[in-house]
Amino acid sequence: KGKSCFAFAAPTDVQPDADDDTTIVQPDVFVICDEKKMEDPKRIIGAP
């Protein structure tokens, strides 16, 4: 479909709330459609 989304699989770190530094999860499979959430080299920052 030529979408800008991407489906990731674990183990990929996700910080689902940029303002919360007490949560990091590794969902089995997840989709991110906002490229800004993928800018950090260590982890996804923002909710899938």
All heavy atoms as atom14 arrays in JSON, in Angstrom:
{
  "sequence": "KGKSCFAFAAPTDVQPDADDDTTIVQPDVFVICDEKKMEDPKRIIGAP",
  "atom14_mask": [
    [1, 1, 1, 1, 1, 1, 1, 1, 1, 0, 0, 0, 0, 0],
    [1, 1, 1, 1, 0, 0, 0, 0, 0, 0, 0, 0, 0, 0],
    [1, 1, 1, 1, 1, 1, 1, 1, 1, 0, 0, 0, 0, 0],
    [1, 1, 1, 1, 1, 1, 0, 0, 0, 0, 0, 0, 0, 0],
    [1, 1, 1, 1, 1, 1, 0, 0, 0, 0, 0, 0, 0, 0],
    [1, 1, 1, 1, 1, 1, 1, 1, 1, 1, 1, 0, 0, 0],
    [1, 1, 1, 1, 1, 0, 0, 0, 0, 0, 0, 0, 0, 0],
    [1, 1, 1, 1, 1, 1, 1, 1, 1, 1, 1, 0, 0, 0],
    [1, 1, 1, 1, 1, 0, 0, 0, 0, 0, 0, 0, 0, 0],
    [1, 1, 1, 1, 1, 0, 0, 0, 0, 0, 0, 0, 0, 0],
    [1, 1, 1, 1, 1, 1, 1, 0, 0, 0, 0, 0, 0, 0],
    [1, 1, 1, 1, 1, 1, 1, 0, 0, 0, 0, 0, 0, 0],
    [1, 1, 1, 1, 1, 1, 1, 1, 0, 0, 0, 0, 0, 0],
    [1, 1, 1, 1, 1, 1, 1, 0, 0, 0, 0, 0, 0, 0],
    [1, 1, 1, 1, 1, 1, 1, 1, 1, 0, 0, 0, 0, 0],
    [1, 1, 1, 1, 1, 1, 1, 0, 0, 0, 0, 0, 0, 0],
    [1, 1, 1, 1, 1, 1, 1, 1, 0, 0, 0, 0, 0, 0],
    [1, 1, 1, 1, 1, 0, 0, 0, 0, 0, 0, 0, 0, 0],
    [1, 1, 1, 1, 1, 1, 1, 1, 0, 0, 0, 0, 0, 0],
    [1, 1, 1, 1, 1, 1, 1, 1, 0, 0, 0, 0, 0, 0],
    [1, 1, 1, 1, 1, 1, 1, 1, 0, 0, 0, 0, 0, 0],
    [1, 1, 1, 1, 1, 1, 1, 0, 0, 0, 0, 0, 0, 0],
    [1, 1, 1, 1, 1, 1, 1, 0, 0, 0, 0, 0, 0, 0],
    [1, 1, 1, 1, 1, 1, 1, 1, 0, 0, 0, 0, 0, 0],
    [1, 1, 1, 1, 1, 1, 1, 0, 0, 0, 0, 0, 0, 0],
    [1, 1, 1, 1, 1, 1, 1, 1, 1, 0, 0, 0, 0, 0],
    [1, 1, 1, 1, 1, 1, 1, 0, 0, 0, 0, 0, 0, 0],
    [1, 1, 1, 1, 1, 1, 1, 1, 0, 0, 0, 0, 0, 0],
    [1, 1, 1, 1, 1, 1, 1, 0, 0, 0, 0, 0, 0, 0],
    [1, 1, 1, 1, 1, 1, 1, 1, 1, 1, 1, 0, 0, 0],
    [1, 1, 1, 1, 1, 1, 1, 0, 0, 0, 0, 0, 0, 0],
    [1, 1, 1, 1, 1, 1, 1, 1, 0, 0, 0, 0, 0, 0],
    [1, 1, 1, 1, 1, 1, 0, 0, 0, 0, 0, 0, 0, 0],
    [1, 1, 1, 1, 1, 1, 1, 1, 0, 0, 0, 0, 0, 0],
    [1, 1, 1, 1, 1, 1, 1, 1, 1, 0, 0, 0, 0, 0],
    [1, 1, 1, 1, 1, 1, 1, 1, 1, 0, 0, 0, 0, 0],
    [1, 1, 1, 1, 1, 1, 1, 1, 1, 0, 0, 0, 0, 0],
    [1, 1, 1, 1, 1, 1, 1, 1, 0, 0, 0, 0, 0, 0],
    [1, 1, 1, 1, 1, 1, 1, 1, 1, 0, 0, 0, 0, 0],
    [1, 1, 1, 1, 1, 1, 1, 1, 0, 0, 0, 0, 0, 0],
    [1, 1, 1, 1, 1, 1, 1, 0, 0, 0, 0, 0, 0, 0],
    [1, 1, 1, 1, 1, 1, 1, 1, 1, 0, 0, 0, 0, 0],
    [1, 1, 1, 1, 1, 1, 1, 1, 1, 1, 1, 0, 0, 0],
    [1, 1, 1, 1, 1, 1, 1, 1, 0, 0, 0, 0, 0, 0],
    [1, 1, 1, 1, 1, 1, 1, 1, 0, 0, 0, 0, 0, 0],
    [1, 1, 1, 1, 0, 0, 0, 0, 0, 0, 0, 0, 0, 0],
    [1, 1, 1, 1, 1, 0, 0, 0, 0, 0, 0, 0, 0, 0],
    [1, 1, 1, 1, 1, 1, 1, 0, 0, 0, 0, 0, 0, 0]
  ],
  "atom14_positions": [
    [[0.81, -1.22, 0.0], [0.0, 0.0, 0.0], [0.84, 1.27, 0.0], [0.3, 2.37, -0.1], [-0.93, 0.01, 1.23], [-2.0, -1.08, 1.2], [-2.95, -0.85, 0.04], [-4.04, -1.89, -0.02], [-5.01, -1.66, -1.12], [0.0, 0.0, 0.0], [0.0, 0.0, 0.0], [0.0, 0.0, 0.0], [0.0, 0.0, 0.0], [0.0, 0.0, 0.0]],
    [[2.15, 1.12, 0.11], [3.02, 2.29, 0.1], [2.88, 3.15, 1.33], [3.09, 4.37, 1.28], [0.0, 0.0, 0.0], [0.0, 0.0, 0.0], [0.0, 0.0, 0.0], [0.0, 0.0, 0.0], [0.0, 0.0, 0.0], [0.0, 0.0, 0.0], [0.0, 0.0, 0.0], [0.0, 0.0, 0.0], [0.0, 0.0, 0.0], [0.0, 0.0, 0.0]],
    [[2.55, 2.54, 2.45], [2.38, 3.28, 3.7], [3.74, 3.54, 4.35], [4.73, 2.87, 4.06], [1.49, 2.51, 4.67], [0.11, 2.14, 4.12], [-0.77, 3.35, 4.0], [-2.2, 2.95, 3.6], [-3.09, 4.11, 3.45], [0.0, 0.0, 0.0], [0.0, 0.0, 0.0], [0.0, 0.0, 0.0], [0.0, 0.0, 0.0], [0.0, 0.0, 0.0]],
    [[3.76, 4.5, 5.26], [5.01, 4.82, 5.96], [5.12, 4.1, 7.29], [6.05, 4.33, 8.07], [5.09, 6.34, 6.21], [3.99, 6.79, 6.98], [0.0, 0.0, 0.0], [0.0, 0.0, 0.0], [0.0, 0.0, 0.0], [0.0, 0.0, 0.0], [0.0, 0.0, 0.0], [0.0, 0.0, 0.0], [0.0, 0.0, 0.0], [0.0, 0.0, 0.0]],
    [[4.17, 3.22, 7.58], [4.21, 2.46, 8.83], [5.27, 1.36, 8.76], [5.78, 1.04, 7.69], [2.85, 1.82, 9.12], [1.47, 2.99, 9.18], [0.0, 0.0, 0.0], [0.0, 0.0, 0.0], [0.0, 0.0, 0.0], [0.0, 0.0, 0.0], [0.0, 0.0, 0.0], [0.0, 0.0, 0.0], [0.0, 0.0, 0.0], [0.0, 0.0, 0.0]],
    [[5.56, 0.75, 9.93], [6.47, -0.39, 9.96], [6.06, -1.3, 11.11], [5.73, -0.83, 12.2], [7.92, 0.06, 10.15], [8.91, -1.06, 9.97], [9.33, -1.44, 8.7], [9.39, -1.76, 11.07], [10.22, -2.49, 8.54], [10.29, -2.81, 10.91], [10.71, -3.17, 9.63], [0.0, 0.0, 0.0], [0.0, 0.0, 0.0], [0.0, 0.0, 0.0]],
    [[6.06, -2.62, 10.85], [5.75, -3.61, 11.88], [7.05, -4.15, 12.47], [7.89, -4.68, 11.76], [4.91, -4.74, 11.3], [0.0, 0.0, 0.0], [0.0, 0.0, 0.0], [0.0, 0.0, 0.0], [0.0, 0.0, 0.0], [0.0, 0.0, 0.0], [0.0, 0.0, 0.0], [0.0, 0.0, 0.0], [0.0, 0.0, 0.0], [0.0, 0.0, 0.0]],
    [[7.2, -4.01, 13.77], [8.37, -4.49, 14.5], [8.03, -5.78, 15.24], [6.86, -6.08, 15.48], [8.81, -3.45, 15.53], [9.37, -2.18, 14.97], [8.53, -1.16, 14.57], [10.74, -1.98, 14.87], [9.03, 0.04, 14.06], [11.26, -0.79, 14.37], [10.4, 0.22, 13.96], [0.0, 0.0, 0.0], [0.0, 0.0, 0.0], [0.0, 0.0, 0.0]],
    [[9.07, -6.51, 15.62], [8.9, -7.69, 16.48], [9.9, -7.61, 17.62], [10.94, -6.96, 17.52], [9.11, -8.97, 15.68], [0.0, 0.0, 0.0], [0.0, 0.0, 0.0], [0.0, 0.0, 0.0], [0.0, 0.0, 0.0], [0.0, 0.0, 0.0], [0.0, 0.0, 0.0], [0.0, 0.0, 0.0], [0.0, 0.0, 0.0], [0.0, 0.0, 0.0]],
    [[9.56, -8.26, 18.73], [10.45, -8.29, 19.89], [11.75, -9.03, 19.54], [11.75, -9.9, 18.66], [9.75, -8.99, 21.04], [0.0, 0.0, 0.0], [0.0, 0.0, 0.0], [0.0, 0.0, 0.0], [0.0, 0.0, 0.0], [0.0, 0.0, 0.0], [0.0, 0.0, 0.0], [0.0, 0.0, 0.0], [0.0, 0.0, 0.0], [0.0, 0.0, 0.0]],
    [[12.85, -8.67, 20.21], [12.92, -7.68, 21.28], [13.26, -6.28, 20.77], [14.39, -6.03, 20.33], [14.06, -8.21, 22.16], [14.97, -8.93, 21.2], [14.09, -9.47, 20.1], [0.0, 0.0, 0.0], [0.0, 0.0, 0.0], [0.0, 0.0, 0.0], [0.0, 0.0, 0.0], [0.0, 0.0, 0.0], [0.0, 0.0, 0.0], [0.0, 0.0, 0.0]],
    [[12.29, -5.39, 20.79], [12.49, -3.99, 20.46], [11.93, -3.16, 21.61], [10.77, -3.33, 21.99], [11.77, -3.6, 19.16], [12.2, -4.44, 18.1], [12.04, -2.14, 18.8], [0.0, 0.0, 0.0], [0.0, 0.0, 0.0], [0.0, 0.0, 0.0], [0.0, 0.0, 0.0], [0.0, 0.0, 0.0], [0.0, 0.0, 0.0], [0.0, 0.0, 0.0]],
    [[12.75, -2.29, 22.18], [12.31, -1.48, 23.3], [11.31, -0.42, 22.86], [11.52, 0.27, 21.86], [13.5, -0.79, 23.97], [14.35, -1.75, 24.79], [13.84, -2.84, 25.11], [15.49, -1.4, 25.12], [0.0, 0.0, 0.0], [0.0, 0.0, 0.0], [0.0, 0.0, 0.0], [0.0, 0.0, 0.0], [0.0, 0.0, 0.0], [0.0, 0.0, 0.0]],
    [[10.25, -0.28, 23.66], [9.25, 0.75, 23.42], [9.0, 1.52, 24.71], [8.65, 0.92, 25.74], [7.91, 0.15, 22.94], [6.86, 1.25, 22.76], [8.1, -0.62, 21.64], [0.0, 0.0, 0.0], [0.0, 0.0, 0.0], [0.0, 0.0, 0.0], [0.0, 0.0, 0.0], [0.0, 0.0, 0.0], [0.0, 0.0, 0.0], [0.0, 0.0, 0.0]],
    [[9.22, 2.81, 24.66], [8.83, 3.71, 25.76], [7.5, 4.33, 25.33], [7.48, 5.31, 24.6], [9.89, 4.79, 25.98], [9.56, 5.73, 27.14], [10.57, 6.86, 27.28], [11.56, 6.93, 26.54], [10.31, 7.76, 28.2], [0.0, 0.0, 0.0], [0.0, 0.0, 0.0], [0.0, 0.0, 0.0], [0.0, 0.0, 0.0], [0.0, 0.0, 0.0]],
    [[6.37, 3.77, 25.77], [5.09, 4.18, 25.2], [4.65, 5.59, 25.54], [3.82, 6.17, 24.84], [4.11, 3.14, 25.76], [4.76, 2.61, 26.98], [6.22, 2.66, 26.73], [0.0, 0.0, 0.0], [0.0, 0.0, 0.0], [0.0, 0.0, 0.0], [0.0, 0.0, 0.0], [0.0, 0.0, 0.0], [0.0, 0.0, 0.0], [0.0, 0.0, 0.0]],
    [[5.2, 6.15, 26.61], [4.88, 7.53, 26.99], [6.19, 8.28, 27.14], [7.0, 7.97, 28.02], [4.09, 7.54, 28.3], [3.66, 8.94, 28.72], [4.19, 9.93, 28.18], [2.79, 9.05, 29.61], [0.0, 0.0, 0.0], [0.0, 0.0, 0.0], [0.0, 0.0, 0.0], [0.0, 0.0, 0.0], [0.0, 0.0, 0.0], [0.0, 0.0, 0.0]],
    [[6.4, 9.27, 26.3], [7.67, 10.0, 26.3], [7.93, 10.7, 27.63], [9.09, 10.99, 27.97], [7.69, 11.03, 25.16], [0.0, 0.0, 0.0], [0.0, 0.0, 0.0], [0.0, 0.0, 0.0], [0.0, 0.0, 0.0], [0.0, 0.0, 0.0], [0.0, 0.0, 0.0], [0.0, 0.0, 0.0], [0.0, 0.0, 0.0], [0.0, 0.0, 0.0]],
    [[6.89, 10.99, 28.38], [7.03, 11.71, 29.65], [7.16, 10.78, 30.85], [7.28, 11.24, 31.99], [5.83, 12.63, 29.86], [5.72, 13.71, 28.81], [6.78, 14.23, 28.39], [4.6, 14.04, 28.39], [0.0, 0.0, 0.0], [0.0, 0.0, 0.0], [0.0, 0.0, 0.0], [0.0, 0.0, 0.0], [0.0, 0.0, 0.0], [0.0, 0.0, 0.0]],
    [[7.13, 9.47, 30.61], [7.2, 8.5, 31.69], [8.49, 7.69, 31.56], [8.63, 6.88, 30.64], [5.98, 7.57, 31.63], [6.01, 6.49, 32.7], [6.88, 6.55, 33.6], [5.17, 5.57, 32.64], [0.0, 0.0, 0.0], [0.0, 0.0, 0.0], [0.0, 0.0, 0.0], [0.0, 0.0, 0.0], [0.0, 0.0, 0.0], [0.0, 0.0, 0.0]],
    [[9.43, 7.89, 32.48], [10.71, 7.18, 32.39], [10.72, 5.93, 33.27], [11.78, 5.39, 33.59], [11.88, 8.1, 32.75], [11.94, 8.42, 34.24], [10.92, 8.19, 34.95], [12.99, 8.91, 34.71], [0.0, 0.0, 0.0], [0.0, 0.0, 0.0], [0.0, 0.0, 0.0], [0.0, 0.0, 0.0], [0.0, 0.0, 0.0], [0.0, 0.0, 0.0]],
    [[9.52, 5.43, 33.66], [9.45, 4.23, 34.49], [8.85, 3.05, 33.73], [8.54, 2.02, 34.34], [8.61, 4.48, 35.76], [7.24, 4.74, 35.39], [9.16, 5.65, 36.56], [0.0, 0.0, 0.0], [0.0, 0.0, 0.0], [0.0, 0.0, 0.0], [0.0, 0.0, 0.0], [0.0, 0.0, 0.0], [0.0, 0.0, 0.0], [0.0, 0.0, 0.0]],
    [[8.67, 3.18, 32.42], [8.08, 2.09, 31.65], [8.81, 1.89, 30.33], [8.95, 2.82, 29.54], [6.59, 2.34, 31.37], [5.88, 2.37, 32.62], [5.99, 1.24, 30.5], [0.0, 0.0, 0.0], [0.0, 0.0, 0.0], [0.0, 0.0, 0.0], [0.0, 0.0, 0.0], [0.0, 0.0, 0.0], [0.0, 0.0, 0.0], [0.0, 0.0, 0.0]],
    [[9.28, 0.65, 30.13], [9.84, 0.19, 28.84], [9.29, -1.21, 28.61], [9.45, -2.09, 29.45], [11.37, 0.13, 28.86], [11.98, 1.52, 28.71], [11.88, -0.74, 27.73], [12.04, 2.04, 27.29], [0.0, 0.0, 0.0], [0.0, 0.0, 0.0], [0.0, 0.0, 0.0], [0.0, 0.0, 0.0], [0.0, 0.0, 0.0], [0.0, 0.0, 0.0]],
    [[8.63, -1.42, 27.48], [8.08, -2.74, 27.17], [8.66, -3.26, 25.86], [9.24, -2.5, 25.08], [6.53, -2.69, 27.08], [5.93, -2.44, 28.45], [6.07, -1.63, 26.09], [0.0, 0.0, 0.0], [0.0, 0.0, 0.0], [0.0, 0.0, 0.0], [0.0, 0.0, 0.0], [0.0, 0.0, 0.0], [0.0, 0.0, 0.0], [0.0, 0.0, 0.0]],
    [[8.49, -4.55, 25.63], [8.93, -5.19, 24.39], [7.76, -6.01, 23.83], [7.7, -7.23, 24.0], [10.14, -6.09, 24.63], [11.4, -5.34, 25.01], [12.6, -6.27, 25.13], [12.5, -7.48, 25.0], [13.76, -5.69, 25.37], [0.0, 0.0, 0.0], [0.0, 0.0, 0.0], [0.0, 0.0, 0.0], [0.0, 0.0, 0.0], [0.0, 0.0, 0.0]],
    [[6.81, -5.34, 23.16], [5.67, -6.09, 22.6], [6.15, -7.14, 21.61], [7.16, -6.95, 20.93], [4.85, -5.0, 21.9], [5.32, -3.7, 22.5], [6.74, -3.92, 22.85], [0.0, 0.0, 0.0], [0.0, 0.0, 0.0], [0.0, 0.0, 0.0], [0.0, 0.0, 0.0], [0.0, 0.0, 0.0], [0.0, 0.0, 0.0], [0.0, 0.0, 0.0]],
    [[5.4, -8.24, 21.5], [5.79, -9.29, 20.57], [5.79, -8.8, 19.12], [6.71, -9.05, 18.36], [4.86, -10.49, 20.72], [5.07, -11.22, 22.03], [6.24, -11.32, 22.46], [4.09, -11.66, 22.65], [0.0, 0.0, 0.0], [0.0, 0.0, 0.0], [0.0, 0.0, 0.0], [0.0, 0.0, 0.0], [0.0, 0.0, 0.0], [0.0, 0.0, 0.0]],
    [[4.72, -8.11, 18.74], [4.62, -7.48, 17.41], [3.88, -6.15, 17.59], [2.93, -6.08, 18.37], [3.84, -8.37, 16.42], [3.7, -7.67, 15.06], [4.53, -9.73, 16.24], [0.0, 0.0, 0.0], [0.0, 0.0, 0.0], [0.0, 0.0, 0.0], [0.0, 0.0, 0.0], [0.0, 0.0, 0.0], [0.0, 0.0, 0.0], [0.0, 0.0, 0.0]],
    [[4.34, -5.12, 16.89], [3.64, -3.84, 16.99], [3.88, -3.01, 15.74], [4.85, -3.23, 15.0], [4.06, -3.06, 18.24], [5.51, -2.66, 18.29], [5.92, -1.39, 17.89], [6.48, -3.54, 18.76], [7.25, -1.01, 17.94], [7.81, -3.17, 18.82], [8.2, -1.9, 18.41], [0.0, 0.0, 0.0], [0.0, 0.0, 0.0], [0.0, 0.0, 0.0]],
    [[2.98, -2.05, 15.51], [3.05, -1.21, 14.32], [3.2, 0.26, 14.73], [2.47, 0.75, 15.59], [1.8, -1.37, 13.44], [1.82, -0.38, 12.28], [1.7, -2.8, 12.92], [0.0, 0.0, 0.0], [0.0, 0.0, 0.0], [0.0, 0.0, 0.0], [0.0, 0.0, 0.0], [0.0, 0.0, 0.0], [0.0, 0.0, 0.0], [0.0, 0.0, 0.0]],
    [[4.17, 0.92, 14.1], [4.39, 2.35, 14.29], [4.17, 3.06, 12.95], [4.7, 2.63, 11.93], [5.83, 2.64, 14.77], [6.05, 2.04, 16.17], [6.13, 4.13, 14.79], [5.31, 2.73, 17.28], [0.0, 0.0, 0.0], [0.0, 0.0, 0.0], [0.0, 0.0, 0.0], [0.0, 0.0, 0.0], [0.0, 0.0, 0.0], [0.0, 0.0, 0.0]],
    [[3.39, 4.13, 12.97], [3.11, 4.88, 11.73], [3.62, 6.32, 11.79], [3.52, 7.04, 10.8], [1.61, 4.88, 11.44], [0.95, 3.25, 11.04], [0.0, 0.0, 0.0], [0.0, 0.0, 0.0], [0.0, 0.0, 0.0], [0.0, 0.0, 0.0], [0.0, 0.0, 0.0], [0.0, 0.0, 0.0], [0.0, 0.0, 0.0], [0.0, 0.0, 0.0]],
    [[4.16, 6.72, 12.93], [4.69, 8.07, 13.09], [6.21, 7.97, 13.09], [6.82, 7.43, 14.02], [4.18, 8.67, 14.4], [4.63, 10.12, 14.6], [5.55, 10.56, 13.87], [4.09, 10.79, 15.5], [0.0, 0.0, 0.0], [0.0, 0.0, 0.0], [0.0, 0.0, 0.0], [0.0, 0.0, 0.0], [0.0, 0.0, 0.0], [0.0, 0.0, 0.0]],
    [[6.85, 8.49, 12.04], [8.3, 8.35, 11.9], [9.06, 9.02, 13.05], [10.17, 8.6, 13.38], [8.75, 8.92, 10.56], [8.26, 8.1, 9.36], [8.85, 8.59, 8.05], [9.68, 9.52, 8.09], [8.47, 8.03, 6.99], [0.0, 0.0, 0.0], [0.0, 0.0, 0.0], [0.0, 0.0, 0.0], [0.0, 0.0, 0.0], [0.0, 0.0, 0.0]],
    [[8.47, 10.04, 13.65], [9.14, 10.72, 14.76], [9.35, 9.77, 15.94], [10.3, 9.93, 16.7], [8.33, 11.93, 15.2], [8.31, 13.07, 14.18], [7.54, 14.26, 14.7], [7.55, 15.4, 13.69], [6.77, 16.58, 14.18], [0.0, 0.0, 0.0], [0.0, 0.0, 0.0], [0.0, 0.0, 0.0], [0.0, 0.0, 0.0], [0.0, 0.0, 0.0]],
    [[8.46, 8.79, 16.08], [8.58, 7.83, 17.18], [9.75, 6.88, 16.97], [10.16, 6.19, 17.9], [7.28, 7.05, 17.35], [6.08, 7.89, 17.75], [4.82, 7.04, 17.86], [3.61, 7.9, 18.23], [2.36, 7.09, 18.33], [0.0, 0.0, 0.0], [0.0, 0.0, 0.0], [0.0, 0.0, 0.0], [0.0, 0.0, 0.0], [0.0, 0.0, 0.0]],
    [[10.28, 6.83, 15.74], [11.36, 5.9, 15.41], [12.72, 6.59, 15.3], [13.69, 5.98, 14.87], [11.05, 5.19, 14.08], [9.8, 4.33, 14.13], [9.49, 3.42, 12.58], [8.52, 4.62, 11.66], [0.0, 0.0, 0.0], [0.0, 0.0, 0.0], [0.0, 0.0, 0.0], [0.0, 0.0, 0.0], [0.0, 0.0, 0.0], [0.0, 0.0, 0.0]],
    [[12.8, 7.85, 15.7], [14.03, 8.61, 15.52], [15.13, 8.24, 16.5], [16.31, 8.33, 16.2], [13.72, 10.1, 15.61], [12.92, 10.64, 14.42], [12.58, 12.1, 14.55], [12.79, 12.66, 15.67], [12.13, 12.71, 13.55], [0.0, 0.0, 0.0], [0.0, 0.0, 0.0], [0.0, 0.0, 0.0], [0.0, 0.0, 0.0], [0.0, 0.0, 0.0]],
    [[14.76, 7.83, 17.72], [15.77, 7.49, 18.73], [16.4, 6.14, 18.36], [15.69, 5.17, 18.07], [15.11, 7.39, 20.11], [16.14, 7.27, 21.23], [16.72, 6.18, 21.38], [16.37, 8.27, 21.95], [0.0, 0.0, 0.0], [0.0, 0.0, 0.0], [0.0, 0.0, 0.0], [0.0, 0.0, 0.0], [0.0, 0.0, 0.0], [0.0, 0.0, 0.0]],
    [[17.74, 6.03, 18.36], [18.38, 4.78, 17.96], [18.22, 3.65, 18.96], [18.37, 2.47, 18.61], [19.86, 5.17, 17.83], [20.02, 6.37, 18.72], [18.71, 7.1, 18.65], [0.0, 0.0, 0.0], [0.0, 0.0, 0.0], [0.0, 0.0, 0.0], [0.0, 0.0, 0.0], [0.0, 0.0, 0.0], [0.0, 0.0, 0.0], [0.0, 0.0, 0.0]],
    [[17.9, 3.97, 20.22], [17.79, 2.95, 21.25], [16.41, 2.32, 21.32], [16.27, 1.13, 21.62], [18.1, 3.55, 22.63], [19.55, 3.55, 23.02], [19.67, 3.95, 24.49], [21.12, 3.84, 24.95], [21.24, 4.18, 26.4], [0.0, 0.0, 0.0], [0.0, 0.0, 0.0], [0.0, 0.0, 0.0], [0.0, 0.0, 0.0], [0.0, 0.0, 0.0]],
    [[15.36, 3.12, 21.11], [14.01, 2.65, 21.41], [12.97, 3.44, 20.64], [13.24, 4.55, 20.16], [13.72, 2.77, 22.91], [13.79, 4.21, 23.44], [13.68, 4.25, 24.96], [13.74, 5.61, 25.49], [14.85, 6.26, 25.78], [16.02, 5.66, 25.57], [14.82, 7.49, 26.27], [0.0, 0.0, 0.0], [0.0, 0.0, 0.0], [0.0, 0.0, 0.0]],
    [[11.79, 2.87, 20.54], [10.63, 3.59, 20.04], [10.13, 4.47, 21.18], [9.99, 4.02, 22.32], [9.52, 2.61, 19.62], [10.02, 1.66, 18.53], [8.28, 3.37, 19.17], [10.43, 2.33, 17.25], [0.0, 0.0, 0.0], [0.0, 0.0, 0.0], [0.0, 0.0, 0.0], [0.0, 0.0, 0.0], [0.0, 0.0, 0.0], [0.0, 0.0, 0.0]],
    [[9.83, 5.72, 20.88], [9.31, 6.62, 21.9], [7.92, 7.08, 21.48], [7.76, 7.86, 20.54], [10.24, 7.83, 22.13], [11.63, 7.36, 22.55], [9.64, 8.76, 23.19], [12.62, 8.49, 22.78], [0.0, 0.0, 0.0], [0.0, 0.0, 0.0], [0.0, 0.0, 0.0], [0.0, 0.0, 0.0], [0.0, 0.0, 0.0], [0.0, 0.0, 0.0]],
    [[6.92, 6.57, 22.17], [5.53, 6.89, 21.84], [4.73, 5.61, 21.69], [5.28, 4.52, 21.46], [0.0, 0.0, 0.0], [0.0, 0.0, 0.0], [0.0, 0.0, 0.0], [0.0, 0.0, 0.0], [0.0, 0.0, 0.0], [0.0, 0.0, 0.0], [0.0, 0.0, 0.0], [0.0, 0.0, 0.0], [0.0, 0.0, 0.0], [0.0, 0.0, 0.0]],
    [[3.42, 5.71, 21.82], [2.56, 4.53, 21.78], [2.41, 4.0, 20.36], [2.18, 4.76, 19.43], [1.18, 4.89, 22.34], [0.0, 0.0, 0.0], [0.0, 0.0, 0.0], [0.0, 0.0, 0.0], [0.0, 0.0, 0.0], [0.0, 0.0, 0.0], [0.0, 0.0, 0.0], [0.0, 0.0, 0.0], [0.0, 0.0, 0.0], [0.0, 0.0, 0.0]],
    [[2.56, 2.68, 20.17], [2.29, 2.08, 18.85], [0.8, 2.21, 18.51], [-0.05, 2.33, 19.4], [2.67, 0.61, 19.05], [3.56, 0.59, 20.25], [3.07, 1.69, 21.13], [0.0, 0.0, 0.0], [0.0, 0.0, 0.0], [0.0, 0.0, 0.0], [0.0, 0.0, 0.0], [0.0, 0.0, 0.0], [0.0, 0.0, 0.0], [0.0, 0.0, 0.0]]
  ]
}
